[in-house]
Structure formats: C-alpha cells, structure tokens
Amino acid sequence: MEETEKNPVTLVASDGSEYTVPREAALLSPMLRAMLDGPFEDSGNIVTLPDIEPHVVAKVAEYLEYNFKYKEQAEQDQPFPEFNIPSEMSLELLIAADYLNI
C-alpha cells in the first residue's frame, strides 16, 4: 500500500469546519478520488466542499466510513447495521451524495 493511501483525508465544509476520514473511505467517492488523485493531488489530502453545509459534510464523512467498514459484508449479502439518516437532512444529503457520486 502506498504511503498516501494510509493518510487521512480532511473534508472542509462551507464554514471551514474540518472532518477527517480514512483515505480508503474517501476514495469510495469517484468525485473525491478524482480530486485526490488528479490535478489537485498536491492539496495535502484536503478537499474543500464550499457549497456543502457542515452538518451535511459531517454526515457524509460518517457515511464514507460506514460504507468502507461494511462494504465487504454488503457484497457478500451478509447482514450489517442500517445507516441512520435523519429525515430533515434527506434532501441536503441527496444533493451532496449526487455531487460526490456516493
């Protein structure tokens, strides 16, 4: 495994709040993968999401870690816990998920 794959990724919300996720979890998003491996590779594992509110970025970070943790179980049709999404955040999370392709 490359050294950069072990480094955490910091997601920065619209207000500057920072949320850290394992790089392997962040790479599950094609958009984040493109930002981290493409022309922005020298950003120091920091991805700024200026149009996404902090509470949404926090939930996205939580989901990326959840998805990474339970990916194998899902692929093998093994049971895994549900991911809780508060109904009041549904629309904002849907927009963020669409943008990040997750």
PDB file of N, CA and C in Angstrom:
ATOM      1  N   MET A   1       0.846  -1.173   0.000  1.00  0.00           N
ATOM      2  CA  MET A   1       0.000   0.000   0.000  1.00  0.00           C
ATOM      3  C   MET A   1       0.892   1.237   0.000  1.00  0.00           C
ATOM      4  N   GLU A   2       0.571   2.184  -0.817  1.00  0.00           N
ATOM      5  CA  GLU A   2       1.340   3.423  -0.874  1.00  0.00           C
ATOM      6  C   GLU A   2       1.142   4.222   0.407  1.00  0.00           C
ATOM      7  N   GLU A   3       2.149   4.995   0.748  1.00  0.00           N
ATOM      8  CA  GLU A   3       2.078   5.823   1.954  1.00  0.00           C
ATOM      9  C   GLU A   3       0.886   6.776   1.911  1.00  0.00           C
ATOM     10  N   THR A   4       0.581   7.344   0.737  1.00  0.00           N
ATOM     11  CA  THR A   4      -0.530   8.298   0.641  1.00  0.00           C
ATOM     12  C   THR A   4      -1.864   7.635   0.912  1.00  0.00           C
ATOM     13  N   GLU A   5      -1.974   6.322   0.670  1.00  0.00           N
ATOM     14  CA  GLU A   5      -3.234   5.638   0.922  1.00  0.00           C
ATOM     15  C   GLU A   5      -3.511   5.506   2.412  1.00  0.00           C
ATOM     16  N   LYS A   6      -2.487   5.599   3.252  1.00  0.00           N
ATOM     17  CA  LYS A   6      -2.658   5.490   4.696  1.00  0.00           C
ATOM     18  C   LYS A   6      -3.044   6.826   5.321  1.00  0.00           C
ATOM     19  N   ASN A   7      -2.770   7.909   4.636  1.00  0.00           N
ATOM     20  CA  ASN A   7      -3.023   9.242   5.177  1.00  0.00           C
ATOM     21  C   ASN A   7      -4.508   9.549   5.216  1.00  0.00           C
ATOM     22  N   PRO A   8      -4.967  10.184   6.292  1.00  0.00           N
ATOM     23  CA  PRO A   8      -6.370  10.586   6.328  1.00  0.00           C
ATOM     24  C   PRO A   8      -6.633  11.750   5.379  1.00  0.00           C
ATOM     25  N   VAL A   9      -7.880  11.877   4.999  1.00  0.00           N
ATOM     26  CA  VAL A   9      -8.328  12.963   4.128  1.00  0.00           C
ATOM     27  C   VAL A   9      -9.189  13.894   4.970  1.00  0.00           C
ATOM     28  N   THR A  10      -9.002  15.182   4.795  1.00  0.00           N
ATOM     29  CA  THR A  10      -9.792  16.177   5.509  1.00  0.00           C
ATOM     30  C   THR A  10     -10.792  16.796   4.546  1.00  0.00           C
ATOM     31  N   LEU A  11     -12.068  16.707   4.908  1.00  0.00           N
ATOM     32  CA  LEU A  11     -13.142  17.331   4.136  1.00  0.00           C
ATOM     33  C   LEU A  11     -13.480  18.653   4.822  1.00  0.00           C
ATOM     34  N   VAL A  12     -13.453  19.738   4.065  1.00  0.00           N
ATOM     35  CA  VAL A  12     -13.692  21.067   4.626  1.00  0.00           C
ATOM     36  C   VAL A  12     -15.059  21.562   4.151  1.00  0.00           C
ATOM     37  N   ALA A  13     -15.921  21.874   5.107  1.00  0.00           N
ATOM     38  CA  ALA A  13     -17.285  22.332   4.814  1.00  0.00           C
ATOM     39  C   ALA A  13     -17.301  23.818   4.470  1.00  0.00           C
ATOM     40  N   SER A  14     -18.490  24.308   4.138  1.00  0.00           N
ATOM     41  CA  SER A  14     -18.664  25.693   3.700  1.00  0.00           C
ATOM     42  C   SER A  14     -18.214  26.725   4.730  1.00  0.00           C
ATOM     43  N   ASP A  15     -18.270  26.390   6.010  1.00  0.00           N
ATOM     44  CA  ASP A  15     -17.866  27.342   7.052  1.00  0.00           C
ATOM     45  C   ASP A  15     -16.429  27.133   7.524  1.00  0.00           C
ATOM     46  N   GLY A  16     -15.716  26.214   6.873  1.00  0.00           N
ATOM     47  CA  GLY A  16     -14.336  25.939   7.260  1.00  0.00           C
ATOM     48  C   GLY A  16     -14.189  24.787   8.232  1.00  0.00           C
ATOM     49  N   SER A  17     -15.298  24.223   8.705  1.00  0.00           N
ATOM     50  CA  SER A  17     -15.234  23.065   9.597  1.00  0.00           C
ATOM     51  C   SER A  17     -14.552  21.915   8.873  1.00  0.00           C
ATOM     52  N   GLU A  18     -13.753  21.146   9.617  1.00  0.00           N
ATOM     53  CA  GLU A  18     -12.996  20.049   9.023  1.00  0.00           C
ATOM     54  C   GLU A  18     -13.438  18.712   9.598  1.00  0.00           C
ATOM     55  N   TYR A  19     -13.539  17.723   8.716  1.00  0.00           N
ATOM     56  CA  TYR A  19     -13.933  16.368   9.087  1.00  0.00           C
ATOM     57  C   TYR A  19     -12.939  15.415   8.441  1.00  0.00           C
ATOM     58  N   THR A  20     -12.361  14.533   9.242  1.00  0.00           N
ATOM     59  CA  THR A  20     -11.318  13.644   8.761  1.00  0.00           C
ATOM     60  C   THR A  20     -11.870  12.240   8.564  1.00  0.00           C
ATOM     61  N   VAL A  21     -11.516  11.639   7.434  1.00  0.00           N
ATOM     62  CA  VAL A  21     -11.891  10.256   7.135  1.00  0.00           C
ATOM     63  C   VAL A  21     -10.652   9.521   6.626  1.00  0.00           C
ATOM     64  N   PRO A  22     -10.622   8.204   6.791  1.00  0.00           N
ATOM     65  CA  PRO A  22      -9.512   7.448   6.211  1.00  0.00           C
ATOM     66  C   PRO A  22      -9.499   7.619   4.693  1.00  0.00           C
ATOM     67  N   ARG A  23      -8.324   7.689   4.109  1.00  0.00           N
ATOM     68  CA  ARG A  23      -8.206   7.878   2.662  1.00  0.00           C
ATOM     69  C   ARG A  23      -8.954   6.784   1.898  1.00  0.00           C
ATOM     70  N   GLU A  24      -8.855   5.543   2.364  1.00  0.00           N
ATOM     71  CA  GLU A  24      -9.523   4.435   1.685  1.00  0.00           C
ATOM     72  C   GLU A  24     -11.029   4.649   1.634  1.00  0.00           C
ATOM     73  N   ALA A  25     -11.587   5.232   2.691  1.00  0.00           N
ATOM     74  CA  ALA A  25     -13.020   5.518   2.723  1.00  0.00           C
ATOM     75  C   ALA A  25     -13.367   6.649   1.764  1.00  0.00           C
ATOM     76  N   ALA A  26     -12.549   7.694   1.735  1.00  0.00           N
ATOM     77  CA  ALA A  26     -12.799   8.830   0.837  1.00  0.00           C
ATOM     78  C   ALA A  26     -12.738   8.408  -0.622  1.00  0.00           C
ATOM     79  N   LEU A  27     -11.865   7.457  -0.939  1.00  0.00           N
ATOM     80  CA  LEU A  27     -11.696   7.032  -2.329  1.00  0.00           C
ATOM     81  C   LEU A  27     -12.894   6.253  -2.865  1.00  0.00           C
ATOM     82  N   LEU A  28     -13.848   5.901  -2.000  1.00  0.00           N
ATOM     83  CA  LEU A  28     -15.068   5.246  -2.466  1.00  0.00           C
ATOM     84  C   LEU A  28     -15.945   6.212  -3.259  1.00  0.00           C
ATOM     85  N   SER A  29     -15.710   7.510  -3.098  1.00  0.00           N
ATOM     86  CA  SER A  29     -16.417   8.527  -3.875  1.00  0.00           C
ATOM     87  C   SER A  29     -15.609   8.832  -5.129  1.00  0.00           C
ATOM     88  N   PRO A  30     -16.181   8.586  -6.318  1.00  0.00           N
ATOM     89  CA  PRO A  30     -15.450   8.909  -7.548  1.00  0.00           C
ATOM     90  C   PRO A  30     -15.035  10.382  -7.626  1.00  0.00           C
ATOM     91  N   MET A  31     -15.860  11.273  -7.117  1.00  0.00           N
ATOM     92  CA  MET A  31     -15.528  12.697  -7.146  1.00  0.00           C
ATOM     93  C   MET A  31     -14.337  12.995  -6.237  1.00  0.00           C
ATOM     94  N   LEU A  32     -14.358  12.456  -5.022  1.00  0.00           N
ATOM     95  CA  LEU A  32     -13.232  12.673  -4.111  1.00  0.00           C
ATOM     96  C   LEU A  32     -11.968  12.013  -4.651  1.00  0.00           C
ATOM     97  N   ARG A  33     -12.121  10.832  -5.259  1.00  0.00           N
ATOM     98  CA  ARG A  33     -10.966  10.147  -5.859  1.00  0.00           C
ATOM     99  C   ARG A  33     -10.342  11.031  -6.944  1.00  0.00           C
ATOM    100  N   ALA A  34     -11.166  11.623  -7.785  1.00  0.00           N
ATOM    101  CA  ALA A  34     -10.661  12.489  -8.859  1.00  0.00           C
ATOM    102  C   ALA A  34      -9.948  13.710  -8.280  1.00  0.00           C
ATOM    103  N   MET A  35     -10.493  14.255  -7.207  1.00  0.00           N
ATOM    104  CA  MET A  35      -9.874  15.426  -6.586  1.00  0.00           C
ATOM    105  C   MET A  35      -8.549  15.072  -5.912  1.00  0.00           C
ATOM    106  N   LEU A  36      -8.477  13.891  -5.318  1.00  0.00           N
ATOM    107  CA  LEU A  36      -7.271  13.492  -4.588  1.00  0.00           C
ATOM    108  C   LEU A  36      -6.180  12.942  -5.495  1.00  0.00           C
ATOM    109  N   ASP A  37      -6.575  12.327  -6.598  1.00  0.00           N
ATOM    110  CA  ASP A  37      -5.594  11.698  -7.485  1.00  0.00           C
ATOM    111  C   ASP A  37      -5.328  12.499  -8.747  1.00  0.00           C
ATOM    112  N   GLY A  38      -6.132  13.513  -9.002  1.00  0.00           N
ATOM    113  CA  GLY A  38      -5.995  14.285 -10.233  1.00  0.00           C
ATOM    114  C   GLY A  38      -5.128  15.512 -10.050  1.00  0.00           C
ATOM    115  N   PRO A  39      -5.501  16.587 -10.725  1.00  0.00           N
ATOM    116  CA  PRO A  39      -4.702  17.811 -10.694  1.00  0.00           C
ATOM    117  C   PRO A  39      -4.594  18.444  -9.307  1.00  0.00           C
ATOM    118  N   PHE A  40      -5.483  18.055  -8.393  1.00  0.00           N
ATOM    119  CA  PHE A  40      -5.454  18.623  -7.046  1.00  0.00           C
ATOM    120  C   PHE A  40      -4.678  17.739  -6.077  1.00  0.00           C
ATOM    121  N   GLU A  41      -3.926  16.790  -6.615  1.00  0.00           N
ATOM    122  CA  GLU A  41      -3.224  15.806  -5.801  1.00  0.00           C
ATOM    123  C   GLU A  41      -2.292  16.449  -4.769  1.00  0.00           C
ATOM    124  N   ASP A  42      -1.751  17.608  -5.083  1.00  0.00           N
ATOM    125  CA  ASP A  42      -0.820  18.279  -4.181  1.00  0.00           C
ATOM    126  C   ASP A  42      -1.520  19.084  -3.086  1.00  0.00           C
ATOM    127  N   SER A  43      -2.815  18.883  -2.922  1.00  0.00           N
ATOM    128  CA  SER A  43      -3.577  19.654  -1.937  1.00  0.00           C
ATOM    129  C   SER A  43      -3.329  19.201  -0.506  1.00  0.00           C
ATOM    130  N   GLY A  44      -2.516  18.179  -0.322  1.00  0.00           N
ATOM    131  CA  GLY A  44      -2.224  17.712   1.025  1.00  0.00           C
ATOM    132  C   GLY A  44      -3.361  16.941   1.655  1.00  0.00           C
ATOM    133  N   ASN A  45      -4.107  16.197   0.861  1.00  0.00           N
ATOM    134  CA  ASN A  45      -5.233  15.394   1.345  1.00  0.00           C
ATOM    135  C   ASN A  45      -6.329  16.244   1.979  1.00  0.00           C
ATOM    136  N   ILE A  46      -6.484  17.451   1.494  1.00  0.00           N
ATOM    137  CA  ILE A  46      -7.557  18.335   1.956  1.00  0.00           C
ATOM    138  C   ILE A  46      -8.476  18.613   0.778  1.00  0.00           C
ATOM    139  N   VAL A  47      -9.767  18.335   0.979  1.00  0.00           N
ATOM    140  CA  VAL A  47     -10.760  18.582  -0.065  1.00  0.00           C
ATOM    141  C   VAL A  47     -11.752  19.603   0.471  1.00  0.00           C
ATOM    142  N   THR A  48     -11.867  20.721  -0.210  1.00  0.00           N
ATOM    143  CA  THR A  48     -12.796  21.771   0.190  1.00  0.00           C
ATOM    144  C   THR A  48     -14.113  21.585  -0.553  1.00  0.00           C
ATOM    145  N   LEU A  49     -15.187  21.558   0.210  1.00  0.00           N
ATOM    146  CA  LEU A  49     -16.538  21.410  -0.342  1.00  0.00           C
ATOM    147  C   LEU A  49     -17.310  22.687   0.007  1.00  0.00           C
ATOM    148  N   PRO A  50     -17.055  23.775  -0.713  1.00  0.00           N
ATOM    149  CA  PRO A  50     -17.567  25.097  -0.324  1.00  0.00           C
ATOM    150  C   PRO A  50     -19.081  25.256  -0.381  1.00  0.00           C
ATOM    151  N   ASP A  51     -19.759  24.378  -1.092  1.00  0.00           N
ATOM    152  CA  ASP A  51     -21.211  24.506  -1.211  1.00  0.00           C
ATOM    153  C   ASP A  51     -21.973  23.555  -0.297  1.00  0.00           C
ATOM    154  N   ILE A  52     -21.261  22.841   0.569  1.00  0.00           N
ATOM    155  CA  ILE A  52     -21.918  21.857   1.432  1.00  0.00           C
ATOM    156  C   ILE A  52     -21.797  22.296   2.891  1.00  0.00           C
ATOM    157  N   GLU A  53     -22.944  22.370   3.557  1.00  0.00           N
ATOM    158  CA  GLU A  53     -23.016  22.811   4.953  1.00  0.00           C
ATOM    159  C   GLU A  53     -22.305  21.817   5.879  1.00  0.00           C
ATOM    160  N   PRO A  54     -21.807  22.303   7.013  1.00  0.00           N
ATOM    161  CA  PRO A  54     -21.027  21.458   7.918  1.00  0.00           C
ATOM    162  C   PRO A  54     -21.759  20.213   8.422  1.00  0.00           C
ATOM    163  N   HIS A  55     -23.034  20.343   8.784  1.00  0.00           N
ATOM    164  CA  HIS A  55     -23.749  19.169   9.287  1.00  0.00           C
ATOM    165  C   HIS A  55     -23.901  18.105   8.204  1.00  0.00           C
ATOM    166  N   VAL A  56     -23.943  18.526   6.947  1.00  0.00           N
ATOM    167  CA  VAL A  56     -24.041  17.574   5.841  1.00  0.00           C
ATOM    168  C   VAL A  56     -22.682  16.919   5.591  1.00  0.00           C
ATOM    169  N   VAL A  57     -21.607  17.694   5.627  1.00  0.00           N
ATOM    170  CA  VAL A  57     -20.266  17.124   5.448  1.00  0.00           C
ATOM    171  C   VAL A  57     -19.976  16.128   6.572  1.00  0.00           C
ATOM    172  N   ALA A  58     -20.408  16.439   7.788  1.00  0.00           N
ATOM    173  CA  ALA A  58     -20.213  15.519   8.914  1.00  0.00           C
ATOM    174  C   ALA A  58     -20.910  14.190   8.640  1.00  0.00           C
ATOM    175  N   LYS A  59     -22.130  14.254   8.115  1.00  0.00           N
ATOM    176  CA  LYS A  59     -22.884  13.026   7.825  1.00  0.00           C
ATOM    177  C   LYS A  59     -22.270  12.288   6.644  1.00  0.00           C
ATOM    178  N   VAL A  60     -21.768  13.014   5.648  1.00  0.00           N
ATOM    179  CA  VAL A  60     -21.084  12.400   4.507  1.00  0.00           C
ATOM    180  C   VAL A  60     -19.842  11.664   4.996  1.00  0.00           C
ATOM    181  N   ALA A  61     -19.070  12.293   5.874  1.00  0.00           N
ATOM    182  CA  ALA A  61     -17.872  11.657   6.429  1.00  0.00           C
ATOM    183  C   ALA A  61     -18.250  10.386   7.183  1.00  0.00           C
ATOM    184  N   GLU A  62     -19.313  10.472   7.962  1.00  0.00           N
ATOM    185  CA  GLU A  62     -19.800   9.304   8.701  1.00  0.00           C
ATOM    186  C   GLU A  62     -20.196   8.189   7.729  1.00  0.00           C
ATOM    187  N   TYR A  63     -20.895   8.551   6.645  1.00  0.00           N
ATOM    188  CA  TYR A  63     -21.315   7.551   5.662  1.00  0.00           C
ATOM    189  C   TYR A  63     -20.124   6.919   4.943  1.00  0.00           C
ATOM    190  N   LEU A  64     -19.133   7.716   4.575  1.00  0.00           N
ATOM    191  CA  LEU A  64     -17.963   7.165   3.890  1.00  0.00           C
ATOM    192  C   LEU A  64     -17.279   6.118   4.763  1.00  0.00           C
ATOM    193  N   GLU A  65     -17.147   6.399   6.055  1.00  0.00           N
ATOM    194  CA  GLU A  65     -16.542   5.428   6.969  1.00  0.00           C
ATOM    195  C   GLU A  65     -17.431   4.197   7.118  1.00  0.00           C
ATOM    196  N   TYR A  66     -18.733   4.401   7.234  1.00  0.00           N
ATOM    197  CA  TYR A  66     -19.692   3.297   7.326  1.00  0.00           C
ATOM    198  C   TYR A  66     -19.610   2.421   6.083  1.00  0.00           C
ATOM    199  N   ASN A  67     -19.623   3.050   4.917  1.00  0.00           N
ATOM    200  CA  ASN A  67     -19.578   2.322   3.648  1.00  0.00           C
ATOM    201  C   ASN A  67     -18.294   1.510   3.540  1.00  0.00           C
ATOM    202  N   PHE A  68     -17.179   2.099   3.915  1.00  0.00           N
ATOM    203  CA  PHE A  68     -15.899   1.402   3.870  1.00  0.00           C
ATOM    204  C   PHE A  68     -15.893   0.216   4.835  1.00  0.00           C
ATOM    205  N   LYS A  69     -16.421   0.423   6.021  1.00  0.00           N
ATOM    206  CA  LYS A  69     -16.422  -0.618   7.058  1.00  0.00           C
ATOM    207  C   LYS A  69     -17.286  -1.815   6.671  1.00  0.00           C
ATOM    208  N   TYR A  70     -18.442  -1.575   6.055  1.00  0.00           N
ATOM    209  CA  TYR A  70     -19.395  -2.651   5.776  1.00  0.00           C
ATOM    210  C   TYR A  70     -19.470  -3.055   4.307  1.00  0.00           C
ATOM    211  N   LYS A  71     -18.576  -2.560   3.472  1.00  0.00           N
ATOM    212  CA  LYS A  71     -18.612  -2.840   2.033  1.00  0.00           C
ATOM    213  C   LYS A  71     -18.542  -4.336   1.736  1.00  0.00           C
ATOM    214  N   GLU A  72     -17.613  -5.036   2.359  1.00  0.00           N
ATOM    215  CA  GLU A  72     -17.472  -6.473   2.109  1.00  0.00           C
ATOM    216  C   GLU A  72     -18.709  -7.235   2.535  1.00  0.00           C
ATOM    217  N   GLN A  73     -19.266  -6.902   3.686  1.00  0.00           N
ATOM    218  CA  GLN A  73     -20.465  -7.578   4.150  1.00  0.00           C
ATOM    219  C   GLN A  73     -21.618  -7.372   3.169  1.00  0.00           C
ATOM    220  N   ALA A  74     -21.764  -6.179   2.656  1.00  0.00           N
ATOM    221  CA  ALA A  74     -22.836  -5.894   1.700  1.00  0.00           C
ATOM    222  C   ALA A  74     -22.638  -6.693   0.419  1.00  0.00           C
ATOM    223  N   GLU A  75     -21.396  -6.763  -0.060  1.00  0.00           N
ATOM    224  CA  GLU A  75     -21.110  -7.507  -1.289  1.00  0.00           C
ATOM    225  C   GLU A  75     -21.357  -9.001  -1.123  1.00  0.00           C
ATOM    226  N   GLN A  76     -21.226  -9.509   0.099  1.00  0.00           N
ATOM    227  CA  GLN A  76     -21.421 -10.934   0.365  1.00  0.00           C
ATOM    228  C   GLN A  76     -22.818 -11.229   0.902  1.00  0.00           C
ATOM    229  N   ASP A  77     -23.714 -10.260   0.792  1.00  0.00           N
ATOM    230  CA  ASP A  77     -25.091 -10.393   1.279  1.00  0.00           C
ATOM    231  C   ASP A  77     -25.166 -10.799   2.743  1.00  0.00           C
ATOM    232  N   GLN A  78     -24.228 -10.332   3.540  1.00  0.00           N
ATOM    233  CA  GLN A  78     -24.251 -10.569   4.979  1.00  0.00           C
ATOM    234  C   GLN A  78     -24.937  -9.389   5.652  1.00  0.00           C
ATOM    235  N   PRO A  79     -25.585  -9.645   6.778  1.00  0.00           N
ATOM    236  CA  PRO A  79     -26.267  -8.538   7.463  1.00  0.00           C
ATOM    237  C   PRO A  79     -25.280  -7.507   8.013  1.00  0.00           C
ATOM    238  N   PHE A  80     -25.709  -6.270   8.002  1.00  0.00           N
ATOM    239  CA  PHE A  80     -24.928  -5.173   8.569  1.00  0.00           C
ATOM    240  C   PHE A  80     -25.917  -4.125   9.063  1.00  0.00           C
ATOM    241  N   PRO A  81     -25.511  -3.293  10.020  1.00  0.00           N
ATOM    242  CA  PRO A  81     -26.447  -2.312  10.584  1.00  0.00           C
ATOM    243  C   PRO A  81     -26.870  -1.261   9.561  1.00  0.00           C
ATOM    244  N   GLU A  82     -28.078  -0.755   9.761  1.00  0.00           N
ATOM    245  CA  GLU A  82     -28.575   0.307   8.888  1.00  0.00           C
ATOM    246  C   GLU A  82     -27.835   1.606   9.169  1.00  0.00           C
ATOM    247  N   PHE A  83     -27.742   2.441   8.139  1.00  0.00           N
ATOM    248  CA  PHE A  83     -27.161   3.773   8.298  1.00  0.00           C
ATOM    249  C   PHE A  83     -28.305   4.735   8.552  1.00  0.00           C
ATOM    250  N   ASN A  84     -28.261   5.414   9.675  1.00  0.00           N
ATOM    251  CA  ASN A  84     -29.342   6.308  10.069  1.00  0.00           C
ATOM    252  C   ASN A  84     -29.221   7.663   9.372  1.00  0.00           C
ATOM    253  N   ILE A  85     -30.278   8.047   8.668  1.00  0.00           N
ATOM    254  CA  ILE A  85     -30.340   9.359   8.020  1.00  0.00           C
ATOM    255  C   ILE A  85     -31.560  10.093   8.572  1.00  0.00           C
ATOM    256  N   PRO A  86     -31.332  11.168   9.303  1.00  0.00           N
ATOM    257  CA  PRO A  86     -32.468  11.945   9.803  1.00  0.00           C
ATOM    258  C   PRO A  86     -33.299  12.486   8.635  1.00  0.00           C
ATOM    259  N   SER A  87     -34.604  12.369   8.738  1.00  0.00           N
ATOM    260  CA  SER A  87     -35.469  12.778   7.626  1.00  0.00           C
ATOM    261  C   SER A  87     -35.293  14.252   7.266  1.00  0.00           C
ATOM    262  N   GLU A  88     -34.988  15.096   8.253  1.00  0.00           N
ATOM    263  CA  GLU A  88     -34.828  16.523   7.958  1.00  0.00           C
ATOM    264  C   GLU A  88     -33.564  16.824   7.148  1.00  0.00           C
ATOM    265  N   MET A  89     -32.652  15.851   7.071  1.00  0.00           N
ATOM    266  CA  MET A  89     -31.420  16.039   6.288  1.00  0.00           C
ATOM    267  C   MET A  89     -31.491  15.363   4.920  1.00  0.00           C
ATOM    268  N   SER A  90     -32.562  14.668   4.647  1.00  0.00           N
ATOM    269  CA  SER A  90     -32.643  13.836   3.444  1.00  0.00           C
ATOM    270  C   SER A  90     -32.334  14.580   2.151  1.00  0.00           C
ATOM    271  N   LEU A  91     -32.945  15.727   1.941  1.00  0.00           N
ATOM    272  CA  LEU A  91     -32.742  16.460   0.691  1.00  0.00           C
ATOM    273  C   LEU A  91     -31.302  16.953   0.567  1.00  0.00           C
ATOM    274  N   GLU A  92     -30.770  17.536   1.644  1.00  0.00           N
ATOM    275  CA  GLU A  92     -29.386  18.025   1.605  1.00  0.00           C
ATOM    276  C   GLU A  92     -28.399  16.885   1.357  1.00  0.00           C
ATOM    277  N   LEU A  93     -28.640  15.742   1.996  1.00  0.00           N
ATOM    278  CA  LEU A  93     -27.754  14.588   1.802  1.00  0.00           C
ATOM    279  C   LEU A  93     -27.869  14.031   0.391  1.00  0.00           C
ATOM    280  N   LEU A  94     -29.070  14.043  -0.149  1.00  0.00           N
ATOM    281  CA  LEU A  94     -29.264  13.576  -1.520  1.00  0.00           C
ATOM    282  C   LEU A  94     -28.479  14.438  -2.501  1.00  0.00           C
ATOM    283  N   ILE A  95     -28.510  15.731  -2.320  1.00  0.00           N
ATOM    284  CA  ILE A  95     -27.769  16.648  -3.198  1.00  0.00           C
ATOM    285  C   ILE A  95     -26.264  16.420  -3.060  1.00  0.00           C
ATOM    286  N   ALA A  96     -25.784  16.291  -1.818  1.00  0.00           N
ATOM    287  CA  ALA A  96     -24.353  16.047  -1.587  1.00  0.00           C
ATOM    288  C   ALA A  96     -23.940  14.693  -2.157  1.00  0.00           C
ATOM    289  N   ALA A  97     -24.769  13.676  -1.959  1.00  0.00           N
ATOM    290  CA  ALA A  97     -24.462  12.340  -2.474  1.00  0.00           C
ATOM    291  C   ALA A  97     -24.410  12.339  -3.996  1.00  0.00           C
ATOM    292  N   ASP A  98     -25.304  13.081  -4.615  1.00  0.00           N
ATOM    293  CA  ASP A  98     -25.291  13.182  -6.074  1.00  0.00           C
ATOM    294  C   ASP A  98     -24.003  13.850  -6.548  1.00  0.00           C
ATOM    295  N   TYR A  99     -23.610  14.924  -5.902  1.00  0.00           N
ATOM    296  CA  TYR A  99     -22.387  15.643  -6.263  1.00  0.00           C
ATOM    297  C   TYR A  99     -21.154  14.756  -6.099  1.00  0.00           C
ATOM    298  N   LEU A 100     -21.122  13.977  -5.019  1.00  0.00           N
ATOM    299  CA  LEU A 100     -19.953  13.144  -4.716  1.00  0.00           C
ATOM    300  C   LEU A 100     -20.030  11.746  -5.335  1.00  0.00           C
ATOM    301  N   ASN A 101     -21.147  11.443  -5.994  1.00  0.00           N
ATOM    302  CA  ASN A 101     -21.354  10.121  -6.603  1.00  0.00           C
ATOM    303  C   ASN A 101     -21.238   8.987  -5.590  1.00  0.00           C
ATOM    304  N   ILE A 102     -21.899   9.160  -4.460  1.00  0.00           N
ATOM    305  CA  ILE A 102     -21.887   8.103  -3.449  1.00  0.00           C
ATOM    306  C   ILE A 102     -23.287   7.610  -3.195  1.00  0.00           C
TER     307      ILE A 102
END
